[in-house]
Amino acid sequence: MNLFIVSLSYKSTLDEVDKYLAGHNEFLRKYFDNGIFICSGPKVPRTGGMILCKSDNFNVVEAMIKEDPFNINGVADYEITEFRVADYATGFESFLK
């Protein structure tokens, strides 16, 4: 299993982005509850956000992102970076299962 960094970059005003924030948070919760998303949060400054997730397949991550209200409503662009975990801090292994 590999990890993926999903980098969101807003392409609309924050007022427009905020219209879809509740739906975006529901989208995130769905995949946190499924154990796929590990952590997420806004960039500083708030120009987008980051999601760390695990999957066996890039296409699966790409399909999940298509469900995000930010994507559906065209307020964010996404860059997905896949990487193989080579080393990690003690305790992090529970997130990799």
PDB file of N, CA and C in Angstrom:
ATOM      1  N   MET A   1       0.848  -1.180   0.000  1.00  0.00           N
ATOM      2  CA  MET A   1       0.000   0.000   0.000  1.00  0.00           C
ATOM      3  C   MET A   1       0.887   1.234   0.000  1.00  0.00           C
ATOM      4  N   ASN A   2       0.512   2.206  -0.795  1.00  0.00           N
ATOM      5  CA  ASN A   2       1.239   3.462  -0.875  1.00  0.00           C
ATOM      6  C   ASN A   2       0.428   4.577  -0.238  1.00  0.00           C
ATOM      7  N   LEU A   3       1.097   5.677   0.018  1.00  0.00           N
ATOM      8  CA  LEU A   3       0.428   6.877   0.508  1.00  0.00           C
ATOM      9  C   LEU A   3       0.348   7.889  -0.620  1.00  0.00           C
ATOM     10  N   PHE A   4      -0.610   8.791  -0.478  1.00  0.00           N
ATOM     11  CA  PHE A   4      -0.841   9.822  -1.466  1.00  0.00           C
ATOM     12  C   PHE A   4      -0.991  11.159  -0.752  1.00  0.00           C
ATOM     13  N   ILE A   5      -0.367  12.180  -1.303  1.00  0.00           N
ATOM     14  CA  ILE A   5      -0.574  13.547  -0.852  1.00  0.00           C
ATOM     15  C   ILE A   5      -1.446  14.214  -1.909  1.00  0.00           C
ATOM     16  N   VAL A   6      -2.603  14.679  -1.486  1.00  0.00           N
ATOM     17  CA  VAL A   6      -3.508  15.392  -2.381  1.00  0.00           C
ATOM     18  C   VAL A   6      -3.426  16.866  -1.998  1.00  0.00           C
ATOM     19  N   SER A   7      -2.956  17.673  -2.935  1.00  0.00           N
ATOM     20  CA  SER A   7      -2.812  19.107  -2.710  1.00  0.00           C
ATOM     21  C   SER A   7      -3.905  19.832  -3.477  1.00  0.00           C
ATOM     22  N   LEU A   8      -4.754  20.549  -2.743  1.00  0.00           N
ATOM     23  CA  LEU A   8      -5.822  21.341  -3.347  1.00  0.00           C
ATOM     24  C   LEU A   8      -5.358  22.783  -3.437  1.00  0.00           C
ATOM     25  N   SER A   9      -5.630  23.408  -4.558  1.00  0.00           N
ATOM     26  CA  SER A   9      -5.364  24.839  -4.738  1.00  0.00           C
ATOM     27  C   SER A   9      -6.666  25.500  -5.144  1.00  0.00           C
ATOM     28  N   TYR A  10      -7.090  26.463  -4.338  1.00  0.00           N
ATOM     29  CA  TYR A  10      -8.340  27.151  -4.640  1.00  0.00           C
ATOM     30  C   TYR A  10      -8.172  27.988  -5.895  1.00  0.00           C
ATOM     31  N   LYS A  11      -9.196  27.971  -6.737  1.00  0.00           N
ATOM     32  CA  LYS A  11      -9.192  28.808  -7.930  1.00  0.00           C
ATOM     33  C   LYS A  11     -10.382  29.759  -7.929  1.00  0.00           C
ATOM     34  N   SER A  12     -11.018  29.877  -6.763  1.00  0.00           N
ATOM     35  CA  SER A  12     -12.129  30.807  -6.542  1.00  0.00           C
ATOM     36  C   SER A  12     -11.850  31.588  -5.269  1.00  0.00           C
ATOM     37  N   THR A  13     -12.658  32.592  -5.009  1.00  0.00           N
ATOM     38  CA  THR A  13     -12.515  33.362  -3.776  1.00  0.00           C
ATOM     39  C   THR A  13     -12.868  32.480  -2.575  1.00  0.00           C
ATOM     40  N   LEU A  14     -12.384  32.864  -1.414  1.00  0.00           N
ATOM     41  CA  LEU A  14     -12.718  32.113  -0.204  1.00  0.00           C
ATOM     42  C   LEU A  14     -14.213  32.141   0.069  1.00  0.00           C
ATOM     43  N   ASP A  15     -14.892  33.227  -0.268  1.00  0.00           N
ATOM     44  CA  ASP A  15     -16.349  33.282  -0.101  1.00  0.00           C
ATOM     45  C   ASP A  15     -17.015  32.193  -0.936  1.00  0.00           C
ATOM     46  N   GLU A  16     -16.537  31.983  -2.147  1.00  0.00           N
ATOM     47  CA  GLU A  16     -17.099  30.943  -3.018  1.00  0.00           C
ATOM     48  C   GLU A  16     -16.740  29.554  -2.485  1.00  0.00           C
ATOM     49  N   VAL A  17     -15.494  29.366  -2.070  1.00  0.00           N
ATOM     50  CA  VAL A  17     -15.048  28.088  -1.507  1.00  0.00           C
ATOM     51  C   VAL A  17     -15.888  27.729  -0.284  1.00  0.00           C
ATOM     52  N   ASP A  18     -16.132  28.718   0.576  1.00  0.00           N
ATOM     53  CA  ASP A  18     -16.861  28.464   1.824  1.00  0.00           C
ATOM     54  C   ASP A  18     -18.298  28.008   1.595  1.00  0.00           C
ATOM     55  N   LYS A  19     -18.861  28.296   0.439  1.00  0.00           N
ATOM     56  CA  LYS A  19     -20.209  27.818   0.129  1.00  0.00           C
ATOM     57  C   LYS A  19     -20.269  26.291   0.094  1.00  0.00           C
ATOM     58  N   TYR A  20     -19.140  25.660  -0.189  1.00  0.00           N
ATOM     59  CA  TYR A  20     -19.078  24.206  -0.343  1.00  0.00           C
ATOM     60  C   TYR A  20     -18.304  23.524   0.787  1.00  0.00           C
ATOM     61  N   LEU A  21     -17.934  24.305   1.809  1.00  0.00           N
ATOM     62  CA  LEU A  21     -17.096  23.777   2.889  1.00  0.00           C
ATOM     63  C   LEU A  21     -17.796  22.672   3.681  1.00  0.00           C
ATOM     64  N   ALA A  22     -19.068  22.829   3.999  1.00  0.00           N
ATOM     65  CA  ALA A  22     -19.786  21.792   4.762  1.00  0.00           C
ATOM     66  C   ALA A  22     -19.806  20.478   3.978  1.00  0.00           C
ATOM     67  N   GLY A  23     -20.095  20.551   2.689  1.00  0.00           N
ATOM     68  CA  GLY A  23     -20.099  19.349   1.861  1.00  0.00           C
ATOM     69  C   GLY A  23     -18.718  18.733   1.740  1.00  0.00           C
ATOM     70  N   HIS A  24     -17.697  19.584   1.638  1.00  0.00           N
ATOM     71  CA  HIS A  24     -16.311  19.106   1.585  1.00  0.00           C
ATOM     72  C   HIS A  24     -15.964  18.366   2.875  1.00  0.00           C
ATOM     73  N   ASN A  25     -16.380  18.917   4.018  1.00  0.00           N
ATOM     74  CA  ASN A  25     -16.099  18.265   5.302  1.00  0.00           C
ATOM     75  C   ASN A  25     -16.822  16.922   5.411  1.00  0.00           C
ATOM     76  N   GLU A  26     -18.030  16.818   4.866  1.00  0.00           N
ATOM     77  CA  GLU A  26     -18.743  15.526   4.837  1.00  0.00           C
ATOM     78  C   GLU A  26     -17.998  14.524   3.961  1.00  0.00           C
ATOM     79  N   PHE A  27     -17.498  14.985   2.831  1.00  0.00           N
ATOM     80  CA  PHE A  27     -16.684  14.145   1.941  1.00  0.00           C
ATOM     81  C   PHE A  27     -15.456  13.623   2.696  1.00  0.00           C
ATOM     82  N   LEU A  28     -14.746  14.515   3.392  1.00  0.00           N
ATOM     83  CA  LEU A  28     -13.569  14.100   4.162  1.00  0.00           C
ATOM     84  C   LEU A  28     -13.950  13.072   5.213  1.00  0.00           C
ATOM     85  N   ARG A  29     -15.030  13.323   5.963  1.00  0.00           N
ATOM     86  CA  ARG A  29     -15.442  12.435   7.048  1.00  0.00           C
ATOM     87  C   ARG A  29     -15.738  11.036   6.517  1.00  0.00           C
ATOM     88  N   LYS A  30     -16.367  10.947   5.352  1.00  0.00           N
ATOM     89  CA  LYS A  30     -16.671   9.642   4.745  1.00  0.00           C
ATOM     90  C   LYS A  30     -15.406   8.799   4.619  1.00  0.00           C
ATOM     91  N   TYR A  31     -14.332   9.405   4.138  1.00  0.00           N
ATOM     92  CA  TYR A  31     -13.106   8.644   3.922  1.00  0.00           C
ATOM     93  C   TYR A  31     -12.242   8.525   5.180  1.00  0.00           C
ATOM     94  N   PHE A  32     -12.399   9.421   6.143  1.00  0.00           N
ATOM     95  CA  PHE A  32     -11.779   9.197   7.452  1.00  0.00           C
ATOM     96  C   PHE A  32     -12.433   7.997   8.109  1.00  0.00           C
ATOM     97  N   ASP A  33     -13.756   7.932   8.055  1.00  0.00           N
ATOM     98  CA  ASP A  33     -14.492   6.826   8.671  1.00  0.00           C
ATOM     99  C   ASP A  33     -14.179   5.494   8.002  1.00  0.00           C
ATOM    100  N   ASN A  34     -13.853   5.512   6.704  1.00  0.00           N
ATOM    101  CA  ASN A  34     -13.478   4.294   5.982  1.00  0.00           C
ATOM    102  C   ASN A  34     -12.016   3.911   6.210  1.00  0.00           C
ATOM    103  N   GLY A  35     -11.254   4.768   6.922  1.00  0.00           N
ATOM    104  CA  GLY A  35      -9.852   4.481   7.190  1.00  0.00           C
ATOM    105  C   GLY A  35      -8.921   4.779   6.035  1.00  0.00           C
ATOM    106  N   ILE A  36      -9.405   5.498   5.026  1.00  0.00           N
ATOM    107  CA  ILE A  36      -8.574   5.800   3.857  1.00  0.00           C
ATOM    108  C   ILE A  36      -7.814   7.109   4.043  1.00  0.00           C
ATOM    109  N   PHE A  37      -8.485   8.136   4.537  1.00  0.00           N
ATOM    110  CA  PHE A  37      -7.814   9.411   4.788  1.00  0.00           C
ATOM    111  C   PHE A  37      -7.156   9.355   6.160  1.00  0.00           C
ATOM    112  N   ILE A  38      -5.938   9.851   6.245  1.00  0.00           N
ATOM    113  CA  ILE A  38      -5.166   9.841   7.486  1.00  0.00           C
ATOM    114  C   ILE A  38      -5.229  11.197   8.174  1.00  0.00           C
ATOM    115  N   CYS A  39      -5.068  12.266   7.414  1.00  0.00           N
ATOM    116  CA  CYS A  39      -5.175  13.611   7.965  1.00  0.00           C
ATOM    117  C   CYS A  39      -5.443  14.590   6.831  1.00  0.00           C
ATOM    118  N   SER A  40      -5.960  15.764   7.211  1.00  0.00           N
ATOM    119  CA  SER A  40      -6.229  16.806   6.221  1.00  0.00           C
ATOM    120  C   SER A  40      -6.230  18.146   6.927  1.00  0.00           C
ATOM    121  N   GLY A  41      -6.150  19.203   6.136  1.00  0.00           N
ATOM    122  CA  GLY A  41      -6.227  20.541   6.701  1.00  0.00           C
ATOM    123  C   GLY A  41      -5.930  21.595   5.670  1.00  0.00           C
ATOM    124  N   PRO A  42      -6.224  22.852   6.024  1.00  0.00           N
ATOM    125  CA  PRO A  42      -5.980  23.957   5.102  1.00  0.00           C
ATOM    126  C   PRO A  42      -4.494  24.304   5.034  1.00  0.00           C
ATOM    127  N   LYS A  43      -4.096  24.807   3.878  1.00  0.00           N
ATOM    128  CA  LYS A  43      -2.745  25.351   3.739  1.00  0.00           C
ATOM    129  C   LYS A  43      -2.679  26.667   4.515  1.00  0.00           C
ATOM    130  N   VAL A  44      -1.468  27.064   4.879  1.00  0.00           N
ATOM    131  CA  VAL A  44      -1.238  28.334   5.557  1.00  0.00           C
ATOM    132  C   VAL A  44      -0.274  29.142   4.694  1.00  0.00           C
ATOM    133  N   PRO A  45      -0.721  30.259   4.124  1.00  0.00           N
ATOM    134  CA  PRO A  45      -2.047  30.855   4.217  1.00  0.00           C
ATOM    135  C   PRO A  45      -3.078  29.998   3.478  1.00  0.00           C
ATOM    136  N   ARG A  46      -4.348  30.301   3.688  1.00  0.00           N
ATOM    137  CA  ARG A  46      -5.443  29.471   3.186  1.00  0.00           C
ATOM    138  C   ARG A  46      -5.655  29.669   1.673  1.00  0.00           C
ATOM    139  N   THR A  47      -4.808  29.010   0.915  1.00  0.00           N
ATOM    140  CA  THR A  47      -4.890  29.040  -0.546  1.00  0.00           C
ATOM    141  C   THR A  47      -5.350  27.697  -1.106  1.00  0.00           C
ATOM    142  N   GLY A  48      -5.653  26.776  -0.212  1.00  0.00           N
ATOM    143  CA  GLY A  48      -6.049  25.424  -0.590  1.00  0.00           C
ATOM    144  C   GLY A  48      -5.966  24.526   0.620  1.00  0.00           C
ATOM    145  N   GLY A  49      -5.752  23.246   0.386  1.00  0.00           N
ATOM    146  CA  GLY A  49      -5.679  22.301   1.484  1.00  0.00           C
ATOM    147  C   GLY A  49      -4.838  21.095   1.109  1.00  0.00           C
ATOM    148  N   MET A  50      -4.634  20.230   2.088  1.00  0.00           N
ATOM    149  CA  MET A  50      -3.849  19.010   1.897  1.00  0.00           C
ATOM    150  C   MET A  50      -4.612  17.839   2.500  1.00  0.00           C
ATOM    151  N   ILE A  51      -4.504  16.684   1.831  1.00  0.00           N
ATOM    152  CA  ILE A  51      -5.064  15.437   2.336  1.00  0.00           C
ATOM    153  C   ILE A  51      -3.974  14.384   2.225  1.00  0.00           C
ATOM    154  N   LEU A  52      -3.759  13.625   3.288  1.00  0.00           N
ATOM    155  CA  LEU A  52      -2.871  12.468   3.258  1.00  0.00           C
ATOM    156  C   LEU A  52      -3.755  11.239   3.318  1.00  0.00           C
ATOM    157  N   CYS A  53      -3.608  10.352   2.338  1.00  0.00           N
ATOM    158  CA  CYS A  53      -4.448   9.157   2.325  1.00  0.00           C
ATOM    159  C   CYS A  53      -3.643   7.943   1.887  1.00  0.00           C
ATOM    160  N   LYS A  54      -4.243   6.773   2.080  1.00  0.00           N
ATOM    161  CA  LYS A  54      -3.602   5.522   1.689  1.00  0.00           C
ATOM    162  C   LYS A  54      -4.506   4.790   0.709  1.00  0.00           C
ATOM    163  N   SER A  55      -3.869   4.109  -0.222  1.00  0.00           N
ATOM    164  CA  SER A  55      -4.609   3.348  -1.221  1.00  0.00           C
ATOM    165  C   SER A  55      -3.648   2.417  -1.940  1.00  0.00           C
ATOM    166  N   ASP A  56      -4.204   1.448  -2.617  1.00  0.00           N
ATOM    167  CA  ASP A  56      -3.401   0.550  -3.454  1.00  0.00           C
ATOM    168  C   ASP A  56      -3.304   1.044  -4.887  1.00  0.00           C
ATOM    169  N   ASN A  57      -4.068   2.120  -5.214  1.00  0.00           N
ATOM    170  CA  ASN A  57      -4.205   2.451  -6.613  1.00  0.00           C
ATOM    171  C   ASN A  57      -4.436   3.952  -6.804  1.00  0.00           C
ATOM    172  N   PHE A  58      -3.648   4.566  -7.658  1.00  0.00           N
ATOM    173  CA  PHE A  58      -3.790   5.987  -7.981  1.00  0.00           C
ATOM    174  C   PHE A  58      -5.187   6.293  -8.507  1.00  0.00           C
ATOM    175  N   ASN A  59      -5.710   5.416  -9.368  1.00  0.00           N
ATOM    176  CA  ASN A  59      -7.023   5.646  -9.970  1.00  0.00           C
ATOM    177  C   ASN A  59      -8.136   5.682  -8.928  1.00  0.00           C
ATOM    178  N   VAL A  60      -7.986   4.919  -7.858  1.00  0.00           N
ATOM    179  CA  VAL A  60      -8.977   4.933  -6.777  1.00  0.00           C
ATOM    180  C   VAL A  60      -8.982   6.301  -6.098  1.00  0.00           C
ATOM    181  N   VAL A  61      -7.795   6.840  -5.828  1.00  0.00           N
ATOM    182  CA  VAL A  61      -7.694   8.163  -5.208  1.00  0.00           C
ATOM    183  C   VAL A  61      -8.292   9.214  -6.140  1.00  0.00           C
ATOM    184  N   GLU A  62      -7.968   9.124  -7.395  1.00  0.00           N
ATOM    185  CA  GLU A  62      -8.497  10.069  -8.376  1.00  0.00           C
ATOM    186  C   GLU A  62     -10.031  10.011  -8.423  1.00  0.00           C
ATOM    187  N   ALA A  63     -10.600   8.817  -8.353  1.00  0.00           N
ATOM    188  CA  ALA A  63     -12.060   8.661  -8.357  1.00  0.00           C
ATOM    189  C   ALA A  63     -12.684   9.254  -7.099  1.00  0.00           C
ATOM    190  N   MET A  64     -12.029   9.084  -5.945  1.00  0.00           N
ATOM    191  CA  MET A  64     -12.546   9.668  -4.702  1.00  0.00           C
ATOM    192  C   MET A  64     -12.588  11.187  -4.803  1.00  0.00           C
ATOM    193  N   ILE A  65     -11.537  11.780  -5.347  1.00  0.00           N
ATOM    194  CA  ILE A  65     -11.452  13.234  -5.451  1.00  0.00           C
ATOM    195  C   ILE A  65     -12.592  13.786  -6.310  1.00  0.00           C
ATOM    196  N   LYS A  66     -13.035  13.022  -7.277  1.00  0.00           N
ATOM    197  CA  LYS A  66     -14.137  13.466  -8.128  1.00  0.00           C
ATOM    198  C   LYS A  66     -15.434  13.648  -7.338  1.00  0.00           C
ATOM    199  N   GLU A  67     -15.526  13.045  -6.151  1.00  0.00           N
ATOM    200  CA  GLU A  67     -16.710  13.171  -5.292  1.00  0.00           C
ATOM    201  C   GLU A  67     -16.699  14.440  -4.442  1.00  0.00           C
ATOM    202  N   ASP A  68     -15.559  15.081  -4.336  1.00  0.00           N
ATOM    203  CA  ASP A  68     -15.420  16.253  -3.465  1.00  0.00           C
ATOM    204  C   ASP A  68     -16.240  17.423  -4.018  1.00  0.00           C
ATOM    205  N   PRO A  69     -17.123  18.006  -3.201  1.00  0.00           N
ATOM    206  CA  PRO A  69     -17.878  19.176  -3.655  1.00  0.00           C
ATOM    207  C   PRO A  69     -17.002  20.320  -4.161  1.00  0.00           C
ATOM    208  N   PHE A  70     -15.802  20.467  -3.638  1.00  0.00           N
ATOM    209  CA  PHE A  70     -14.885  21.477  -4.168  1.00  0.00           C
ATOM    210  C   PHE A  70     -14.571  21.187  -5.639  1.00  0.00           C
ATOM    211  N   ASN A  71     -14.387  19.905  -5.957  1.00  0.00           N
ATOM    212  CA  ASN A  71     -14.109  19.508  -7.333  1.00  0.00           C
ATOM    213  C   ASN A  71     -15.362  19.617  -8.191  1.00  0.00           C
ATOM    214  N   ILE A  72     -16.459  19.093  -7.704  1.00  0.00           N
ATOM    215  CA  ILE A  72     -17.721  19.103  -8.445  1.00  0.00           C
ATOM    216  C   ILE A  72     -18.114  20.527  -8.827  1.00  0.00           C
ATOM    217  N   ASN A  73     -17.894  21.467  -7.926  1.00  0.00           N
ATOM    218  CA  ASN A  73     -18.295  22.859  -8.154  1.00  0.00           C
ATOM    219  C   ASN A  73     -17.178  23.736  -8.715  1.00  0.00           C
ATOM    220  N   GLY A  74     -16.034  23.128  -9.035  1.00  0.00           N
ATOM    221  CA  GLY A  74     -14.975  23.836  -9.743  1.00  0.00           C
ATOM    222  C   GLY A  74     -14.263  24.920  -8.970  1.00  0.00           C
ATOM    223  N   VAL A  75     -14.179  24.779  -7.634  1.00  0.00           N
ATOM    224  CA  VAL A  75     -13.513  25.827  -6.854  1.00  0.00           C
ATOM    225  C   VAL A  75     -12.079  25.466  -6.478  1.00  0.00           C
ATOM    226  N   ALA A  76     -11.632  24.250  -6.840  1.00  0.00           N
ATOM    227  CA  ALA A  76     -10.269  23.846  -6.496  1.00  0.00           C
ATOM    228  C   ALA A  76      -9.683  22.972  -7.602  1.00  0.00           C
ATOM    229  N   ASP A  77      -8.378  23.077  -7.761  1.00  0.00           N
ATOM    230  CA  ASP A  77      -7.600  22.163  -8.595  1.00  0.00           C
ATOM    231  C   ASP A  77      -6.898  21.189  -7.660  1.00  0.00           C
ATOM    232  N   TYR A  78      -6.572  20.004  -8.164  1.00  0.00           N
ATOM    233  CA  TYR A  78      -5.981  18.946  -7.349  1.00  0.00           C
ATOM    234  C   TYR A  78      -4.705  18.435  -7.995  1.00  0.00           C
ATOM    235  N   GLU A  79      -3.691  18.217  -7.152  1.00  0.00           N
ATOM    236  CA  GLU A  79      -2.473  17.531  -7.567  1.00  0.00           C
ATOM    237  C   GLU A  79      -2.309  16.334  -6.644  1.00  0.00           C
ATOM    238  N   ILE A  80      -2.181  15.153  -7.228  1.00  0.00           N
ATOM    239  CA  ILE A  80      -2.055  13.918  -6.444  1.00  0.00           C
ATOM    240  C   ILE A  80      -0.639  13.399  -6.617  1.00  0.00           C
ATOM    241  N   THR A  81       0.057  13.214  -5.494  1.00  0.00           N
ATOM    242  CA  THR A  81       1.418  12.677  -5.501  1.00  0.00           C
ATOM    243  C   THR A  81       1.434  11.367  -4.739  1.00  0.00           C
ATOM    244  N   GLU A  82       1.862  10.311  -5.401  1.00  0.00           N
ATOM    245  CA  GLU A  82       1.956   8.990  -4.776  1.00  0.00           C
ATOM    246  C   GLU A  82       3.383   8.757  -4.305  1.00  0.00           C
ATOM    247  N   PHE A  83       3.521   8.140  -3.136  1.00  0.00           N
ATOM    248  CA  PHE A  83       4.854   7.758  -2.692  1.00  0.00           C
ATOM    249  C   PHE A  83       4.812   6.460  -1.902  1.00  0.00           C
ATOM    250  N   ARG A  84       5.916   5.748  -1.964  1.00  0.00           N
ATOM    251  CA  ARG A  84       6.088   4.496  -1.236  1.00  0.00           C
ATOM    252  C   ARG A  84       6.704   4.821   0.114  1.00  0.00           C
ATOM    253  N   VAL A  85       6.086   4.337   1.164  1.00  0.00           N
ATOM    254  CA  VAL A  85       6.595   4.593   2.509  1.00  0.00           C
ATOM    255  C   VAL A  85       7.857   3.761   2.722  1.00  0.00           C
ATOM    256  N   ALA A  86       8.957   4.445   3.011  1.00  0.00           N
ATOM    257  CA  ALA A  86      10.229   3.770   3.249  1.00  0.00           C
ATOM    258  C   ALA A  86      10.585   3.745   4.729  1.00  0.00           C
ATOM    259  N   ASP A  87      10.112   4.720   5.472  1.00  0.00           N
ATOM    260  CA  ASP A  87      10.416   4.802   6.898  1.00  0.00           C
ATOM    261  C   ASP A  87       9.359   5.679   7.547  1.00  0.00           C
ATOM    262  N   TYR A  88       9.172   5.516   8.857  1.00  0.00           N
ATOM    263  CA  TYR A  88       8.148   6.293   9.561  1.00  0.00           C
ATOM    264  C   TYR A  88       8.427   6.289  11.058  1.00  0.00           C
ATOM    265  N   ALA A  89       7.796   7.235  11.754  1.00  0.00           N
ATOM    266  CA  ALA A  89       7.946   7.383  13.197  1.00  0.00           C
ATOM    267  C   ALA A  89       7.228   6.249  13.925  1.00  0.00           C
ATOM    268  N   THR A  90       7.731   5.909  15.083  1.00  0.00           N
ATOM    269  CA  THR A  90       7.079   4.916  15.925  1.00  0.00           C
ATOM    270  C   THR A  90       5.635   5.298  16.165  1.00  0.00           C
ATOM    271  N   GLY A  91       4.750   4.348  15.988  1.00  0.00           N
ATOM    272  CA  GLY A  91       3.326   4.574  16.179  1.00  0.00           C
ATOM    273  C   GLY A  91       2.579   4.851  14.891  1.00  0.00           C
ATOM    274  N   PHE A  92       3.291   5.282  13.853  1.00  0.00           N
ATOM    275  CA  PHE A  92       2.635   5.616  12.592  1.00  0.00           C
ATOM    276  C   PHE A  92       2.156   4.367  11.856  1.00  0.00           C
ATOM    277  N   GLU A  93       2.719   3.219  12.187  1.00  0.00           N
ATOM    278  CA  GLU A  93       2.356   1.991  11.477  1.00  0.00           C
ATOM    279  C   GLU A  93       0.868   1.670  11.577  1.00  0.00           C
ATOM    280  N   SER A  94       0.217   2.138  12.644  1.00  0.00           N
ATOM    281  CA  SER A  94      -1.220   1.879  12.779  1.00  0.00           C
ATOM    282  C   SER A  94      -2.009   2.559  11.667  1.00  0.00           C
ATOM    283  N   PHE A  95      -1.507   3.653  11.114  1.00  0.00           N
ATOM    284  CA  PHE A  95      -2.183   4.349  10.022  1.00  0.00           C
ATOM    285  C   PHE A  95      -1.982   3.635   8.690  1.00  0.00           C
ATOM    286  N   LEU A  96      -0.983   2.776   8.614  1.00  0.00           N
ATOM    287  CA  LEU A  96      -0.660   2.108   7.366  1.00  0.00           C
ATOM    288  C   LEU A  96      -1.427   0.806   7.169  1.00  0.00           C
ATOM    289  N   LYS A  97      -2.129   0.368   8.195  1.00  0.00           N
ATOM    290  CA  LYS A  97      -2.870  -0.903   8.101  1.00  0.00           C
ATOM    291  C   LYS A  97      -4.168  -0.731   7.373  1.00  0.00           C
TER     292      LYS A  97
END
